[in-house]
Amino acid sequence: KGKLDAAIVESGNVYNQVSNKISHLSSLNAGYALDVA
């Protein structure tokens, strides 16, 4: 059960990290588009 709990925590952390990455990339892409324009 301890190992399974650790896997659940790790998986959740990766999900949150990637969600944050998507938010950053979306903002960065919008900024680049405005600058190119």
All heavy atoms as atom14 arrays in JSON, in Angstrom:
{
  "sequence": "KGKLDAAIVESGNVYNQVSNKISHLSSLNAGYALDVA",
  "atom14_mask": [
    [1, 1, 1, 1, 1, 1, 1, 1, 1, 0, 0, 0, 0, 0],
    [1, 1, 1, 1, 0, 0, 0, 0, 0, 0, 0, 0, 0, 0],
    [1, 1, 1, 1, 1, 1, 1, 1, 1, 0, 0, 0, 0, 0],
    [1, 1, 1, 1, 1, 1, 1, 1, 0, 0, 0, 0, 0, 0],
    [1, 1, 1, 1, 1, 1, 1, 1, 0, 0, 0, 0, 0, 0],
    [1, 1, 1, 1, 1, 0, 0, 0, 0, 0, 0, 0, 0, 0],
    [1, 1, 1, 1, 1, 0, 0, 0, 0, 0, 0, 0, 0, 0],
    [1, 1, 1, 1, 1, 1, 1, 1, 0, 0, 0, 0, 0, 0],
    [1, 1, 1, 1, 1, 1, 1, 0, 0, 0, 0, 0, 0, 0],
    [1, 1, 1, 1, 1, 1, 1, 1, 1, 0, 0, 0, 0, 0],
    [1, 1, 1, 1, 1, 1, 0, 0, 0, 0, 0, 0, 0, 0],
    [1, 1, 1, 1, 0, 0, 0, 0, 0, 0, 0, 0, 0, 0],
    [1, 1, 1, 1, 1, 1, 1, 1, 0, 0, 0, 0, 0, 0],
    [1, 1, 1, 1, 1, 1, 1, 0, 0, 0, 0, 0, 0, 0],
    [1, 1, 1, 1, 1, 1, 1, 1, 1, 1, 1, 1, 0, 0],
    [1, 1, 1, 1, 1, 1, 1, 1, 0, 0, 0, 0, 0, 0],
    [1, 1, 1, 1, 1, 1, 1, 1, 1, 0, 0, 0, 0, 0],
    [1, 1, 1, 1, 1, 1, 1, 0, 0, 0, 0, 0, 0, 0],
    [1, 1, 1, 1, 1, 1, 0, 0, 0, 0, 0, 0, 0, 0],
    [1, 1, 1, 1, 1, 1, 1, 1, 0, 0, 0, 0, 0, 0],
    [1, 1, 1, 1, 1, 1, 1, 1, 1, 0, 0, 0, 0, 0],
    [1, 1, 1, 1, 1, 1, 1, 1, 0, 0, 0, 0, 0, 0],
    [1, 1, 1, 1, 1, 1, 0, 0, 0, 0, 0, 0, 0, 0],
    [1, 1, 1, 1, 1, 1, 1, 1, 1, 1, 0, 0, 0, 0],
    [1, 1, 1, 1, 1, 1, 1, 1, 0, 0, 0, 0, 0, 0],
    [1, 1, 1, 1, 1, 1, 0, 0, 0, 0, 0, 0, 0, 0],
    [1, 1, 1, 1, 1, 1, 0, 0, 0, 0, 0, 0, 0, 0],
    [1, 1, 1, 1, 1, 1, 1, 1, 0, 0, 0, 0, 0, 0],
    [1, 1, 1, 1, 1, 1, 1, 1, 0, 0, 0, 0, 0, 0],
    [1, 1, 1, 1, 1, 0, 0, 0, 0, 0, 0, 0, 0, 0],
    [1, 1, 1, 1, 0, 0, 0, 0, 0, 0, 0, 0, 0, 0],
    [1, 1, 1, 1, 1, 1, 1, 1, 1, 1, 1, 1, 0, 0],
    [1, 1, 1, 1, 1, 0, 0, 0, 0, 0, 0, 0, 0, 0],
    [1, 1, 1, 1, 1, 1, 1, 1, 0, 0, 0, 0, 0, 0],
    [1, 1, 1, 1, 1, 1, 1, 1, 0, 0, 0, 0, 0, 0],
    [1, 1, 1, 1, 1, 1, 1, 0, 0, 0, 0, 0, 0, 0],
    [1, 1, 1, 1, 1, 0, 0, 0, 0, 0, 0, 0, 0, 0]
  ],
  "atom14_positions": [
    [[0.83, -1.21, 0.0], [0.0, 0.0, 0.0], [0.86, 1.25, 0.0], [0.55, 2.25, -0.67], [-0.9, 0.01, 1.24], [-1.92, 1.17, 1.25], [-2.87, 1.05, 0.07], [-4.06, 2.0, 0.21], [-3.7, 3.4, 0.17], [0.0, 0.0, 0.0], [0.0, 0.0, 0.0], [0.0, 0.0, 0.0], [0.0, 0.0, 0.0], [0.0, 0.0, 0.0]],
    [[1.99, 1.22, 0.7], [2.9, 2.36, 0.7], [3.47, 2.64, -0.68], [3.55, 3.81, -1.11], [0.0, 0.0, 0.0], [0.0, 0.0, 0.0], [0.0, 0.0, 0.0], [0.0, 0.0, 0.0], [0.0, 0.0, 0.0], [0.0, 0.0, 0.0], [0.0, 0.0, 0.0], [0.0, 0.0, 0.0], [0.0, 0.0, 0.0], [0.0, 0.0, 0.0]],
    [[3.82, 1.59, -1.41], [4.35, 1.75, -2.77], [3.28, 2.28, -3.72], [3.55, 3.13, -4.58], [4.89, 0.42, -3.28], [6.13, -0.07, -2.56], [6.59, -1.41, -3.12], [7.84, -1.9, -2.41], [8.28, -3.22, -2.92], [0.0, 0.0, 0.0], [0.0, 0.0, 0.0], [0.0, 0.0, 0.0], [0.0, 0.0, 0.0], [0.0, 0.0, 0.0]],
    [[2.05, 1.79, -3.56], [0.97, 2.25, -4.42], [0.66, 3.72, -4.16], [0.44, 4.5, -5.09], [-0.28, 1.39, -4.19], [-1.5, 1.74, -5.05], [-1.17, 1.63, -6.54], [-2.68, 0.82, -4.69], [0.0, 0.0, 0.0], [0.0, 0.0, 0.0], [0.0, 0.0, 0.0], [0.0, 0.0, 0.0], [0.0, 0.0, 0.0], [0.0, 0.0, 0.0]],
    [[0.66, 4.11, -2.89], [0.42, 5.52, -2.55], [1.49, 6.42, -3.18], [1.19, 7.51, -3.66], [0.42, 5.7, -1.03], [-0.82, 5.1, -0.38], [-1.8, 4.82, -1.1], [-0.8, 4.9, 0.86], [0.0, 0.0, 0.0], [0.0, 0.0, 0.0], [0.0, 0.0, 0.0], [0.0, 0.0, 0.0], [0.0, 0.0, 0.0], [0.0, 0.0, 0.0]],
    [[2.74, 5.94, -3.16], [3.83, 6.73, -3.75], [3.62, 6.89, -5.26], [3.88, 7.97, -5.83], [5.17, 6.05, -3.48], [0.0, 0.0, 0.0], [0.0, 0.0, 0.0], [0.0, 0.0, 0.0], [0.0, 0.0, 0.0], [0.0, 0.0, 0.0], [0.0, 0.0, 0.0], [0.0, 0.0, 0.0], [0.0, 0.0, 0.0], [0.0, 0.0, 0.0]],
    [[3.15, 5.83, -5.91], [2.89, 5.89, -7.35], [1.76, 6.89, -7.64], [1.82, 7.65, -8.62], [2.53, 4.51, -7.89], [0.0, 0.0, 0.0], [0.0, 0.0, 0.0], [0.0, 0.0, 0.0], [0.0, 0.0, 0.0], [0.0, 0.0, 0.0], [0.0, 0.0, 0.0], [0.0, 0.0, 0.0], [0.0, 0.0, 0.0], [0.0, 0.0, 0.0]],
    [[0.73, 6.9, -6.81], [-0.39, 7.83, -6.99], [0.09, 9.27, -6.86], [-0.29, 10.15, -7.64], [-1.5, 7.53, -5.97], [-2.15, 6.17, -6.3], [-2.55, 8.63, -5.98], [-3.14, 5.68, -5.26], [0.0, 0.0, 0.0], [0.0, 0.0, 0.0], [0.0, 0.0, 0.0], [0.0, 0.0, 0.0], [0.0, 0.0, 0.0], [0.0, 0.0, 0.0]],
    [[0.94, 9.53, -5.86], [1.47, 10.88, -5.66], [2.34, 11.3, -6.83], [2.23, 12.42, -7.35], [2.28, 10.96, -4.35], [3.03, 12.28, -4.25], [1.36, 10.78, -3.15], [0.0, 0.0, 0.0], [0.0, 0.0, 0.0], [0.0, 0.0, 0.0], [0.0, 0.0, 0.0], [0.0, 0.0, 0.0], [0.0, 0.0, 0.0], [0.0, 0.0, 0.0]],
    [[3.22, 10.4, -7.3], [4.1, 10.73, -8.42], [3.32, 11.01, -9.69], [3.61, 11.98, -10.42], [5.08, 9.58, -8.65], [6.1, 9.86, -9.74], [7.12, 8.75, -9.9], [7.04, 7.74, -9.17], [8.0, 8.88, -10.76], [0.0, 0.0, 0.0], [0.0, 0.0, 0.0], [0.0, 0.0, 0.0], [0.0, 0.0, 0.0], [0.0, 0.0, 0.0]],
    [[2.32, 10.21, -9.94], [1.51, 10.4, -11.14], [0.77, 11.74, -11.08], [0.71, 12.47, -12.07], [0.5, 9.26, -11.26], [-0.33, 9.43, -12.39], [0.0, 0.0, 0.0], [0.0, 0.0, 0.0], [0.0, 0.0, 0.0], [0.0, 0.0, 0.0], [0.0, 0.0, 0.0], [0.0, 0.0, 0.0], [0.0, 0.0, 0.0], [0.0, 0.0, 0.0]],
    [[0.23, 12.07, -9.92], [-0.46, 13.35, -9.77], [0.48, 14.53, -9.95], [0.11, 15.55, -10.56], [0.0, 0.0, 0.0], [0.0, 0.0, 0.0], [0.0, 0.0, 0.0], [0.0, 0.0, 0.0], [0.0, 0.0, 0.0], [0.0, 0.0, 0.0], [0.0, 0.0, 0.0], [0.0, 0.0, 0.0], [0.0, 0.0, 0.0], [0.0, 0.0, 0.0]],
    [[1.7, 14.39, -9.44], [2.68, 15.47, -9.58], [3.04, 15.72, -11.04], [3.15, 16.87, -11.49], [3.94, 15.15, -8.79], [3.72, 15.27, -7.29], [2.77, 15.9, -6.84], [4.59, 14.65, -6.52], [0.0, 0.0, 0.0], [0.0, 0.0, 0.0], [0.0, 0.0, 0.0], [0.0, 0.0, 0.0], [0.0, 0.0, 0.0], [0.0, 0.0, 0.0]],
    [[3.23, 14.64, -11.8], [3.55, 14.77, -13.22], [2.39, 15.44, -13.96], [2.61, 16.33, -14.8], [3.86, 13.4, -13.85], [3.98, 13.53, -15.37], [5.15, 12.83, -13.27], [0.0, 0.0, 0.0], [0.0, 0.0, 0.0], [0.0, 0.0, 0.0], [0.0, 0.0, 0.0], [0.0, 0.0, 0.0], [0.0, 0.0, 0.0], [0.0, 0.0, 0.0]],
    [[1.18, 15.06, -13.62], [0.01, 15.66, -14.27], [-0.02, 17.17, -14.01], [-0.25, 17.97, -14.93], [-1.27, 15.01, -13.73], [-2.52, 15.5, -14.43], [-3.01, 14.84, -15.54], [-3.21, 16.63, -13.98], [-4.16, 15.28, -16.21], [-4.34, 17.09, -14.63], [-4.82, 16.41, -15.74], [-5.93, 16.86, -16.39], [0.0, 0.0, 0.0], [0.0, 0.0, 0.0]],
    [[0.21, 17.57, -12.78], [0.2, 18.99, -12.44], [1.33, 19.74, -13.15], [1.14, 20.87, -13.62], [0.33, 19.18, -10.93], [-0.92, 18.74, -10.2], [-2.01, 18.73, -10.75], [-0.76, 18.35, -8.94], [0.0, 0.0, 0.0], [0.0, 0.0, 0.0], [0.0, 0.0, 0.0], [0.0, 0.0, 0.0], [0.0, 0.0, 0.0], [0.0, 0.0, 0.0]],
    [[2.51, 19.13, -13.23], [3.64, 19.77, -13.9], [3.34, 20.01, -15.38], [3.64, 21.09, -15.92], [4.89, 18.91, -13.75], [5.45, 18.85, -12.33], [6.51, 17.78, -12.16], [6.91, 17.14, -13.14], [6.94, 17.56, -10.94], [0.0, 0.0, 0.0], [0.0, 0.0, 0.0], [0.0, 0.0, 0.0], [0.0, 0.0, 0.0], [0.0, 0.0, 0.0]],
    [[2.77, 19.02, -16.03], [2.47, 19.15, -17.45], [1.34, 20.17, -17.67], [1.37, 20.93, -18.64], [2.1, 17.79, -18.06], [1.69, 17.94, -19.52], [3.28, 16.83, -17.96], [0.0, 0.0, 0.0], [0.0, 0.0, 0.0], [0.0, 0.0, 0.0], [0.0, 0.0, 0.0], [0.0, 0.0, 0.0], [0.0, 0.0, 0.0], [0.0, 0.0, 0.0]],
    [[0.37, 20.19, -16.77], [-0.7, 21.19, -16.87], [-0.12, 22.6, -16.78], [-0.52, 23.5, -17.55], [-1.73, 20.98, -15.74], [-2.41, 19.76, -15.89], [0.0, 0.0, 0.0], [0.0, 0.0, 0.0], [0.0, 0.0, 0.0], [0.0, 0.0, 0.0], [0.0, 0.0, 0.0], [0.0, 0.0, 0.0], [0.0, 0.0, 0.0], [0.0, 0.0, 0.0]],
    [[0.82, 22.79, -15.86], [1.47, 24.1, -15.74], [2.28, 24.43, -16.99], [2.34, 25.59, -17.43], [2.37, 24.12, -14.51], [1.6, 24.05, -13.21], [0.42, 24.4, -13.17], [2.23, 23.57, -12.15], [0.0, 0.0, 0.0], [0.0, 0.0, 0.0], [0.0, 0.0, 0.0], [0.0, 0.0, 0.0], [0.0, 0.0, 0.0], [0.0, 0.0, 0.0]],
    [[2.9, 23.41, -17.55], [3.69, 23.6, -18.77], [2.8, 24.04, -19.92], [3.16, 24.94, -20.71], [4.41, 22.3, -19.13], [5.52, 22.46, -20.16], [6.74, 23.11, -19.55], [7.92, 23.09, -20.47], [9.1, 23.72, -19.89], [0.0, 0.0, 0.0], [0.0, 0.0, 0.0], [0.0, 0.0, 0.0], [0.0, 0.0, 0.0], [0.0, 0.0, 0.0]],
    [[1.64, 23.45, -20.04], [0.7, 23.82, -21.11], [0.27, 25.27, -20.95], [0.19, 26.03, -21.92], [-0.52, 22.89, -21.11], [-0.12, 21.51, -21.65], [-1.66, 23.47, -21.93], [-1.25, 20.5, -21.65], [0.0, 0.0, 0.0], [0.0, 0.0, 0.0], [0.0, 0.0, 0.0], [0.0, 0.0, 0.0], [0.0, 0.0, 0.0], [0.0, 0.0, 0.0]],
    [[-0.01, 25.68, -19.7], [-0.4, 27.06, -19.46], [0.71, 28.03, -19.87], [0.46, 29.05, -20.52], [-0.74, 27.25, -17.97], [-1.08, 28.6, -17.7], [0.0, 0.0, 0.0], [0.0, 0.0, 0.0], [0.0, 0.0, 0.0], [0.0, 0.0, 0.0], [0.0, 0.0, 0.0], [0.0, 0.0, 0.0], [0.0, 0.0, 0.0], [0.0, 0.0, 0.0]],
    [[1.95, 27.67, -19.52], [3.09, 28.52, -19.88], [3.28, 28.59, -21.4], [3.47, 29.67, -21.96], [4.36, 27.97, -19.23], [5.62, 28.58, -19.74], [6.01, 29.86, -19.44], [6.57, 28.08, -20.58], [7.16, 30.14, -20.04], [7.52, 29.08, -20.74], [0.0, 0.0, 0.0], [0.0, 0.0, 0.0], [0.0, 0.0, 0.0], [0.0, 0.0, 0.0]],
    [[3.21, 27.43, -22.05], [3.42, 27.39, -23.5], [2.33, 28.15, -24.24], [2.6, 28.82, -25.25], [3.47, 25.94, -23.98], [4.69, 25.12, -23.57], [4.54, 23.67, -24.05], [5.98, 25.72, -24.11], [0.0, 0.0, 0.0], [0.0, 0.0, 0.0], [0.0, 0.0, 0.0], [0.0, 0.0, 0.0], [0.0, 0.0, 0.0], [0.0, 0.0, 0.0]],
    [[1.11, 28.05, -23.77], [0.01, 28.76, -24.41], [0.22, 30.26, -24.33], [0.03, 30.99, -25.31], [-1.33, 28.39, -23.76], [-1.61, 27.01, -23.93], [0.0, 0.0, 0.0], [0.0, 0.0, 0.0], [0.0, 0.0, 0.0], [0.0, 0.0, 0.0], [0.0, 0.0, 0.0], [0.0, 0.0, 0.0], [0.0, 0.0, 0.0], [0.0, 0.0, 0.0]],
    [[0.65, 30.72, -23.14], [0.93, 32.15, -22.98], [2.11, 32.58, -23.84], [2.09, 33.65, -24.47], [1.21, 32.44, -21.5], [1.54, 33.8, -21.3], [0.0, 0.0, 0.0], [0.0, 0.0, 0.0], [0.0, 0.0, 0.0], [0.0, 0.0, 0.0], [0.0, 0.0, 0.0], [0.0, 0.0, 0.0], [0.0, 0.0, 0.0], [0.0, 0.0, 0.0]],
    [[3.15, 31.75, -23.86], [4.34, 32.07, -24.65], [4.0, 32.13, -26.14], [4.45, 33.04, -26.85], [5.42, 31.01, -24.4], [6.76, 31.19, -25.12], [7.44, 32.49, -24.66], [7.68, 29.99, -24.86], [0.0, 0.0, 0.0], [0.0, 0.0, 0.0], [0.0, 0.0, 0.0], [0.0, 0.0, 0.0], [0.0, 0.0, 0.0], [0.0, 0.0, 0.0]],
    [[3.21, 31.18, -26.61], [2.84, 31.15, -28.02], [2.04, 32.39, -28.4], [2.23, 32.96, -29.48], [2.03, 29.89, -28.31], [1.83, 29.64, -29.78], [2.78, 29.58, -30.56], [0.58, 29.52, -30.19], [0.0, 0.0, 0.0], [0.0, 0.0, 0.0], [0.0, 0.0, 0.0], [0.0, 0.0, 0.0], [0.0, 0.0, 0.0], [0.0, 0.0, 0.0]],
    [[1.13, 32.81, -27.52], [0.33, 34.01, -27.79], [1.22, 35.25, -27.85], [1.04, 36.12, -28.71], [-0.73, 34.17, -26.71], [0.0, 0.0, 0.0], [0.0, 0.0, 0.0], [0.0, 0.0, 0.0], [0.0, 0.0, 0.0], [0.0, 0.0, 0.0], [0.0, 0.0, 0.0], [0.0, 0.0, 0.0], [0.0, 0.0, 0.0], [0.0, 0.0, 0.0]],
    [[2.19, 35.32, -26.93], [3.11, 36.46, -26.94], [3.96, 36.5, -28.19], [4.16, 37.58, -28.78], [0.0, 0.0, 0.0], [0.0, 0.0, 0.0], [0.0, 0.0, 0.0], [0.0, 0.0, 0.0], [0.0, 0.0, 0.0], [0.0, 0.0, 0.0], [0.0, 0.0, 0.0], [0.0, 0.0, 0.0], [0.0, 0.0, 0.0], [0.0, 0.0, 0.0]],
    [[4.44, 35.35, -28.62], [5.23, 35.29, -29.85], [4.39, 35.73, -31.05], [4.86, 36.44, -31.93], [5.73, 33.86, -30.08], [7.0, 33.52, -29.34], [7.56, 34.4, -28.42], [7.66, 32.32, -29.54], [8.71, 34.1, -27.74], [8.82, 32.0, -28.87], [9.34, 32.88, -27.97], [10.5, 32.58, -27.29], [0.0, 0.0, 0.0], [0.0, 0.0, 0.0]],
    [[3.14, 35.27, -31.09], [2.27, 35.61, -32.21], [2.07, 37.13, -32.31], [2.1, 37.7, -33.4], [0.92, 34.91, -32.06], [0.0, 0.0, 0.0], [0.0, 0.0, 0.0], [0.0, 0.0, 0.0], [0.0, 0.0, 0.0], [0.0, 0.0, 0.0], [0.0, 0.0, 0.0], [0.0, 0.0, 0.0], [0.0, 0.0, 0.0], [0.0, 0.0, 0.0]],
    [[1.88, 37.78, -31.16], [1.71, 39.23, -31.15], [2.98, 39.93, -31.62], [2.94, 40.92, -32.36], [1.34, 39.7, -29.74], [-0.09, 39.37, -29.29], [-0.28, 39.73, -27.82], [-1.11, 40.11, -30.14], [0.0, 0.0, 0.0], [0.0, 0.0, 0.0], [0.0, 0.0, 0.0], [0.0, 0.0, 0.0], [0.0, 0.0, 0.0], [0.0, 0.0, 0.0]],
    [[4.14, 39.42, -31.17], [5.41, 40.04, -31.55], [5.68, 39.89, -33.04], [6.13, 40.83, -33.7], [6.54, 39.42, -30.73], [7.76, 40.33, -30.66], [7.67, 41.48, -31.13], [8.79, 39.9, -30.15], [0.0, 0.0, 0.0], [0.0, 0.0, 0.0], [0.0, 0.0, 0.0], [0.0, 0.0, 0.0], [0.0, 0.0, 0.0], [0.0, 0.0, 0.0]],
    [[5.41, 38.7, -33.56], [5.6, 38.48, -35.0], [4.67, 39.39, -35.8], [5.07, 39.98, -36.81], [5.33, 37.0, -35.36], [5.25, 36.82, -36.87], [6.44, 36.11, -34.8], [0.0, 0.0, 0.0], [0.0, 0.0, 0.0], [0.0, 0.0, 0.0], [0.0, 0.0, 0.0], [0.0, 0.0, 0.0], [0.0, 0.0, 0.0], [0.0, 0.0, 0.0]],
    [[3.44, 39.53, -35.33], [2.49, 40.38, -36.02], [2.96, 41.83, -36.04], [2.8, 42.54, -37.04], [1.11, 40.29, -35.36], [0.0, 0.0, 0.0], [0.0, 0.0, 0.0], [0.0, 0.0, 0.0], [0.0, 0.0, 0.0], [0.0, 0.0, 0.0], [0.0, 0.0, 0.0], [0.0, 0.0, 0.0], [0.0, 0.0, 0.0], [0.0, 0.0, 0.0]]
  ]
}
